[in-house]
Amino acid sequence: MIWYKDNNSDIVISTRIRLARNLDKVPFPNALTDKKKVLKDIKSAIVNSNSTLSRELEYTDLDKAGQKKREQLAEEHLISPQMLQGNDKGVFISKDRTMSIMLMEEDHIRLQVIMSGNKLHEAYDTASKIDDVMEENLTYAFDENLGYLTACPTNAGTGLRASLMMHLPALTITKNINRVINNASSLGIAVRGLYGEGTRADGNLYQISNQVTMGISEAQIIEKIENIAKQIIEMEQKARELLNEKSNAELSDKLWRSYGTLKYAQKISTSEAMALLSDVLLAQNMGIIKEKGKKSIPECMVLISPAFISNDKDLSADERDIERAKFLRANI
């Protein structure tokens, strides 16, 4: 199931497990002189495997895919923003779109599993099994002391990045989000925006992930993210209770106004729509607004992104804003 489709998650919207891997005795992508050959070798190893893995995956050559197609994959979080730049890149995507294998990003291979809700153990188990199958046909760069070798030292060791996408509107409204970010950072947890490092938390969506990958086991990384997430969830829940107790009428008015704007606006930008959708998701989770649209709020948050709204058309920013409002009126 696509992670954002029919997603009725509350605070934890999605789980992502990413494993960074490189081929043994082959330069990292930024130092490769013949990326096409290495890309072909990795692709062949996956396609020609005798496992069900090869039958579950579909390959997209990003050099041949149109710009809008590449941007849509990034908006779905199936490829990273970095995959939009440069040449000689490709991606395998599972038919249920819960898994992607990026080739020639920062590392030769970036395997990721993404699921709706809080499913760290399930996502990691899936990623680990796929990794084992791939390793039957590929020899990874591995050191007995350092672990898996990666282009960036911050990924070496396990090569594991475990992350949760969390919806934290109440902590933002009560101006406690910076304290959460600072506390998490002091515990070795990164808190980033919607599309990872260097991006904004549009729609009050934050990604929390481990910063340390070396000198710690995969199980310890998962446990640490789980514990931190549990604390953040409790803080968000308390912030919601506080908002409800102290300013119920004001909060209800704000959230209903956001709902009304989405239902009747004729033109709306991505950033404004994300903020209003965040309000409506909060209202639905708190029971203030019981109406449900044709599509879930997380699904709308993805489908209103510029490339999806453009739908392969060459639209101006104003035209996208009009199409976005039209989509929201029909689906909220």
Protein backbone atom coordinates (compact mmCIF):
# COMPACT_ATOMS: atom_id res chain seq x y z
CA MET A 1 0.00 0.00 0.00
CA ILE A 2 1.30 3.44 -0.95
CA TRP A 3 2.31 5.11 2.32
CA TYR A 4 0.17 8.22 1.86
CA LYS A 5 -2.94 6.65 0.29
CA ASP A 6 -5.90 6.21 2.67
CA ASN A 7 -3.54 7.26 5.44
CA ASN A 8 -5.45 8.01 8.64
CA SER A 9 -2.41 8.15 10.90
CA ASP A 10 -2.40 10.69 13.71
CA ILE A 11 0.99 11.99 14.89
CA VAL A 12 3.33 9.55 13.14
CA ILE A 13 2.46 9.82 9.45
CA SER A 14 5.05 7.45 8.03
CA THR A 15 8.13 5.34 8.70
CA ARG A 16 11.20 5.20 6.47
CA ILE A 17 14.16 2.84 6.70
CA ARG A 18 17.13 3.58 4.44
CA LEU A 19 20.26 1.47 3.97
CA ALA A 20 23.36 2.90 2.24
CA ARG A 21 25.52 0.37 0.39
CA ASN A 22 28.48 0.48 -2.00
CA LEU A 23 30.21 -2.08 -4.18
CA ASP A 24 33.55 -3.44 -3.02
CA LYS A 25 36.66 -2.08 -4.75
CA VAL A 26 34.63 0.45 -6.77
CA PRO A 27 35.04 4.25 -6.28
CA PHE A 28 32.09 6.08 -4.77
CA PRO A 29 29.77 7.77 -7.32
CA ASN A 30 31.39 11.19 -6.95
CA ALA A 31 34.74 9.67 -8.01
CA LEU A 32 33.49 7.26 -10.65
CA THR A 33 34.67 7.77 -14.22
CA ASP A 34 32.30 5.21 -15.72
CA LYS A 35 29.01 5.42 -13.84
CA LYS A 36 27.07 3.79 -16.68
CA LYS A 37 28.97 0.51 -16.36
CA VAL A 38 28.53 0.29 -12.58
CA LEU A 39 24.89 1.26 -12.92
CA LYS A 40 24.41 -1.48 -15.50
CA ASP A 41 26.18 -4.06 -13.28
CA ILE A 42 24.00 -3.29 -10.27
CA LYS A 43 20.83 -3.25 -12.36
CA SER A 44 21.71 -6.59 -13.94
CA ALA A 45 22.42 -8.18 -10.53
CA ILE A 46 18.94 -7.21 -9.34
CA VAL A 47 17.04 -7.92 -12.57
CA ASN A 48 18.70 -11.30 -13.12
CA SER A 49 18.27 -12.53 -9.56
CA ASN A 50 16.18 -15.66 -9.11
CA SER A 51 14.25 -14.19 -6.22
CA THR A 52 10.75 -12.74 -6.17
CA LEU A 53 12.50 -9.40 -5.67
CA SER A 54 13.19 -9.00 -9.39
CA ARG A 55 9.53 -9.67 -10.19
CA GLU A 56 8.28 -7.14 -7.67
CA LEU A 57 10.39 -4.25 -8.95
CA GLU A 58 10.04 -1.87 -11.88
CA TYR A 59 13.05 0.10 -13.10
CA THR A 60 13.02 3.77 -14.08
CA ASP A 61 15.98 5.23 -15.94
CA LEU A 62 16.02 8.76 -14.53
CA ASP A 63 18.08 9.99 -17.48
CA LYS A 64 15.18 9.10 -19.78
CA ALA A 65 12.33 10.03 -17.45
CA GLY A 66 10.85 13.49 -17.90
CA GLN A 67 11.50 16.24 -15.38
CA LYS A 68 7.93 16.10 -14.05
CA LYS A 69 8.18 12.33 -13.55
CA ARG A 70 11.40 12.71 -11.55
CA GLU A 71 9.89 15.50 -9.47
CA GLN A 72 6.80 13.41 -8.73
CA LEU A 73 8.99 10.57 -7.45
CA ALA A 74 10.75 13.03 -5.15
CA GLU A 75 7.40 14.42 -3.96
CA GLU A 76 6.35 10.85 -3.11
CA HIS A 77 9.66 10.43 -1.20
CA LEU A 78 10.54 7.49 -3.47
CA ILE A 79 13.75 9.22 -4.54
CA SER A 80 15.75 11.92 -2.77
CA PRO A 81 15.99 15.51 -4.05
CA GLN A 82 19.65 14.75 -4.85
CA MET A 83 18.50 12.23 -7.46
CA LEU A 84 17.03 15.10 -9.48
CA GLN A 85 20.53 16.39 -10.22
CA GLY A 86 23.15 14.94 -12.55
CA ASN A 87 23.14 11.99 -14.95
CA ASP A 88 23.52 8.21 -14.88
CA LYS A 89 20.96 7.57 -12.15
CA GLY A 90 18.16 5.05 -11.87
CA VAL A 91 15.65 3.68 -9.38
CA PHE A 92 13.84 0.40 -8.80
CA ILE A 93 10.38 0.84 -7.28
CA SER A 94 8.19 -1.95 -5.94
CA LYS A 95 4.74 -2.35 -7.44
CA ASP A 96 3.11 -1.44 -4.12
CA ARG A 97 5.44 1.61 -3.89
CA THR A 98 6.57 0.75 -0.37
CA MET A 99 10.17 0.23 -1.47
CA SER A 100 12.68 1.93 -3.74
CA ILE A 101 16.30 1.20 -4.58
CA MET A 102 18.12 4.35 -5.70
CA LEU A 103 21.20 3.78 -7.81
CA MET A 104 24.04 6.31 -8.03
CA GLU A 105 22.83 8.79 -5.45
CA GLU A 106 25.58 9.70 -2.96
CA ASP A 107 26.26 5.96 -2.65
CA HIS A 108 25.99 3.24 -5.28
CA ILE A 109 22.85 1.90 -3.63
CA ARG A 110 20.29 3.53 -1.35
CA LEU A 111 17.65 0.99 -0.39
CA GLN A 112 14.61 2.39 1.37
CA VAL A 113 11.32 1.05 2.69
CA ILE A 114 8.55 3.52 3.48
CA MET A 115 5.27 2.64 5.22
CA SER A 116 2.36 4.55 6.70
CA GLY A 117 2.21 5.02 10.46
CA ASN A 118 4.72 3.97 13.11
CA LYS A 119 6.20 0.71 11.79
CA LEU A 120 9.92 0.86 12.49
CA HIS A 121 10.40 -2.85 13.15
CA GLU A 122 8.26 -3.98 10.21
CA ALA A 123 9.99 -1.59 7.80
CA TYR A 124 13.47 -2.57 9.02
CA ASP A 125 12.72 -6.29 8.78
CA THR A 126 11.57 -5.80 5.18
CA ALA A 127 14.64 -3.71 4.27
CA SER A 128 17.00 -6.20 5.91
CA LYS A 129 15.54 -9.15 3.99
CA ILE A 130 15.81 -7.27 0.70
CA ASP A 131 19.38 -6.28 1.54
CA ASP A 132 20.26 -9.94 2.17
CA VAL A 133 18.81 -10.96 -1.19
CA MET A 134 20.77 -8.22 -3.00
CA GLU A 135 23.98 -9.24 -1.25
CA GLU A 136 23.67 -12.72 -2.78
CA ASN A 137 24.53 -11.13 -6.14
CA LEU A 138 26.59 -8.11 -5.08
CA THR A 139 29.74 -7.77 -2.98
CA TYR A 140 29.46 -4.79 -0.64
CA ALA A 141 32.29 -2.58 0.56
CA PHE A 142 32.65 -3.70 4.17
CA ASP A 143 35.33 -3.38 6.83
CA GLU A 144 35.45 -5.62 9.90
CA ASN A 145 36.09 -2.63 12.17
CA LEU A 146 34.22 0.17 10.40
CA GLY A 147 31.26 -1.75 9.01
CA TYR A 148 29.69 -0.75 5.68
CA LEU A 149 31.75 1.87 3.89
CA THR A 150 29.90 4.92 2.55
CA ALA A 151 30.68 8.10 0.61
CA CYS A 152 29.88 10.22 3.67
CA PRO A 153 31.45 9.10 6.99
CA THR A 154 28.22 9.94 8.83
CA ASN A 155 26.55 6.96 7.13
CA ALA A 156 29.32 4.40 7.67
CA GLY A 157 28.92 1.49 10.05
CA THR A 158 25.38 0.17 9.79
CA GLY A 159 24.53 2.46 6.86
CA LEU A 160 21.10 2.68 8.50
CA ARG A 161 18.98 5.79 8.66
CA ALA A 162 15.68 5.19 10.47
CA SER A 163 13.18 8.01 10.38
CA LEU A 164 9.62 8.89 11.27
CA MET A 165 7.61 11.66 9.66
CA MET A 166 5.67 13.31 12.48
CA HIS A 167 2.82 15.81 12.40
CA LEU A 168 3.49 18.26 15.25
CA PRO A 169 1.09 21.23 14.90
CA ALA A 170 0.30 21.71 18.60
CA LEU A 171 3.98 21.89 19.58
CA THR A 172 4.42 24.45 16.79
CA ILE A 173 1.38 26.52 17.82
CA THR A 174 2.48 26.54 21.48
CA LYS A 175 6.02 27.51 20.39
CA ASN A 176 7.60 24.43 21.97
CA ILE A 177 8.90 22.90 18.76
CA ASN A 178 12.37 24.47 19.03
CA ARG A 179 12.78 22.96 22.49
CA VAL A 180 11.86 19.56 21.08
CA ILE A 181 14.36 19.96 18.24
CA ASN A 182 17.15 21.05 20.60
CA ASN A 183 16.47 18.23 23.07
CA ALA A 184 16.39 15.63 20.31
CA SER A 185 19.63 16.97 18.83
CA SER A 186 21.38 16.67 22.19
CA LEU A 187 20.39 12.98 22.21
CA GLY A 188 21.82 12.31 18.75
CA ILE A 189 18.53 12.62 16.88
CA ALA A 190 18.15 14.90 13.86
CA VAL A 191 14.90 16.78 13.31
CA ARG A 192 14.48 17.96 9.73
CA GLY A 193 11.83 19.28 7.36
CA LEU A 194 9.45 17.49 5.02
CA TYR A 195 12.08 16.40 2.46
CA GLY A 196 14.98 15.91 4.85
CA GLU A 197 18.12 17.93 5.42
CA GLY A 198 17.89 21.62 4.54
CA THR A 199 14.13 21.62 3.89
CA ARG A 200 11.24 23.33 5.64
CA ALA A 201 8.68 21.66 7.88
CA ASP A 202 5.74 22.48 5.59
CA GLY A 203 2.44 21.37 7.05
CA ASN A 204 4.13 21.02 10.46
CA LEU A 205 5.66 17.77 9.22
CA TYR A 206 9.03 16.91 10.77
CA GLN A 207 11.36 14.00 10.10
CA ILE A 208 13.19 12.60 13.10
CA SER A 209 16.10 10.26 12.41
CA ASN A 210 19.29 8.89 13.93
CA GLN A 211 22.49 10.88 13.47
CA VAL A 212 24.87 8.09 14.52
CA THR A 213 25.31 5.00 12.35
CA MET A 214 28.67 3.67 13.61
CA GLY A 215 29.49 2.00 16.92
CA ILE A 216 25.85 1.12 17.49
CA SER A 217 23.75 -1.79 16.24
CA GLU A 218 20.70 -1.60 14.01
CA ALA A 219 18.52 -2.76 16.89
CA GLN A 220 19.89 -0.01 19.14
CA ILE A 221 19.20 2.62 16.47
CA ILE A 222 15.58 1.46 16.11
CA GLU A 223 15.13 1.40 19.89
CA LYS A 224 16.53 4.91 20.26
CA ILE A 225 14.21 6.34 17.59
CA GLU A 226 11.29 4.53 19.21
CA ASN A 227 12.03 6.00 22.63
CA ILE A 228 12.50 9.54 21.38
CA ALA A 229 9.38 9.30 19.23
CA LYS A 230 7.36 8.11 22.22
CA GLN A 231 8.42 11.19 24.19
CA ILE A 232 7.62 13.54 21.29
CA ILE A 233 4.21 11.91 20.82
CA GLU A 234 3.41 12.43 24.50
CA MET A 235 4.51 16.08 24.29
CA GLU A 236 2.36 16.69 21.20
CA GLN A 237 -0.64 15.04 22.87
CA LYS A 238 -0.22 17.20 25.98
CA ALA A 239 0.13 20.32 23.82
CA ARG A 240 -3.14 19.44 22.08
CA GLU A 241 -4.88 18.93 25.41
CA LEU A 242 -3.58 22.30 26.62
CA LEU A 243 -4.82 24.06 23.49
CA ASN A 244 -8.21 22.42 23.86
CA GLU A 245 -8.55 23.41 27.51
CA LYS A 246 -7.30 26.98 27.33
CA SER A 247 -8.65 28.20 24.02
CA ASN A 248 -11.22 25.77 22.71
CA ALA A 249 -13.37 28.39 20.97
CA GLU A 250 -10.40 30.17 19.40
CA LEU A 251 -8.82 26.91 18.29
CA SER A 252 -12.08 25.62 16.79
CA ASP A 253 -12.56 28.89 14.94
CA LYS A 254 -9.04 28.79 13.51
CA LEU A 255 -9.36 25.18 12.36
CA TRP A 256 -12.82 25.61 10.85
CA ARG A 257 -11.61 28.71 8.99
CA SER A 258 -8.80 26.66 7.52
CA TYR A 259 -11.30 24.02 6.44
CA GLY A 260 -13.53 26.68 4.88
CA THR A 261 -10.65 28.19 2.94
CA LEU A 262 -9.69 24.81 1.50
CA LYS A 263 -13.32 24.10 0.54
CA TYR A 264 -13.88 27.37 -1.28
CA ALA A 265 -10.57 28.94 -2.30
CA GLN A 266 -10.16 29.53 -6.03
CA LYS A 267 -6.37 29.87 -5.93
CA ILE A 268 -3.87 28.63 -3.35
CA SER A 269 -0.10 28.14 -3.08
CA THR A 270 1.61 24.96 -1.90
CA SER A 271 2.84 26.49 1.36
CA GLU A 272 -0.56 27.96 2.29
CA ALA A 273 -2.35 24.75 1.39
CA MET A 274 0.07 22.69 3.50
CA ALA A 275 -0.50 24.94 6.52
CA LEU A 276 -4.28 24.72 6.13
CA LEU A 277 -4.21 20.95 5.58
CA SER A 278 -2.18 20.64 8.78
CA ASP A 279 -4.94 22.52 10.62
CA VAL A 280 -7.63 20.23 9.21
CA LEU A 281 -5.66 17.09 10.06
CA LEU A 282 -5.27 18.38 13.62
CA ALA A 283 -9.00 19.15 13.75
CA GLN A 284 -9.92 15.67 12.53
CA ASN A 285 -7.60 13.98 15.01
CA MET A 286 -8.98 16.07 17.87
CA GLY A 287 -12.58 15.38 16.84
CA ILE A 288 -13.31 19.07 16.15
CA ILE A 289 -14.03 18.41 12.47
CA LYS A 290 -15.66 15.07 11.73
CA GLU A 291 -16.06 15.56 7.99
CA LYS A 292 -13.84 13.34 5.84
CA GLY A 293 -13.05 14.10 2.23
CA LYS A 294 -12.60 11.79 -0.74
CA LYS A 295 -8.88 11.62 0.00
CA SER A 296 -7.00 11.57 3.30
CA ILE A 297 -5.09 14.67 4.38
CA PRO A 298 -1.64 12.99 4.00
CA GLU A 299 -2.59 11.97 0.46
CA CYS A 300 -3.69 15.53 -0.34
CA MET A 301 -0.39 16.84 1.05
CA VAL A 302 1.47 14.78 -1.55
CA LEU A 303 -0.88 15.29 -4.49
CA ILE A 304 -0.95 19.10 -4.21
CA SER A 305 2.82 19.26 -4.77
CA PRO A 306 3.87 21.19 -7.91
CA ALA A 307 4.73 18.23 -10.16
CA PHE A 308 1.59 16.26 -9.28
CA ILE A 309 -0.67 19.29 -9.74
CA SER A 310 0.95 20.06 -13.08
CA ASN A 311 0.12 16.50 -14.23
CA ASP A 312 2.71 16.57 -17.04
CA LYS A 313 1.49 19.97 -18.22
CA ASP A 314 3.74 23.01 -18.43
CA LEU A 315 1.83 25.23 -15.97
CA SER A 316 2.86 28.58 -14.57
CA ALA A 317 2.89 29.11 -10.79
CA ASP A 318 -0.48 30.92 -10.98
CA GLU A 319 -2.00 28.12 -13.06
CA ARG A 320 -0.75 25.55 -10.53
CA ASP A 321 -2.33 27.55 -7.70
CA ILE A 322 -5.68 27.48 -9.53
CA GLU A 323 -5.44 23.73 -10.23
CA ARG A 324 -4.42 23.10 -6.62
CA ALA A 325 -7.48 24.93 -5.28
CA LYS A 326 -9.70 23.02 -7.70
CA PHE A 327 -8.23 19.70 -6.53
CA LEU A 328 -8.72 20.58 -2.86
CA ARG A 329 -12.32 21.72 -3.35
CA ALA A 330 -13.08 18.34 -4.91
CA ASN A 331 -11.26 16.17 -2.35
CA ILE A 332 -11.37 17.79 1.10
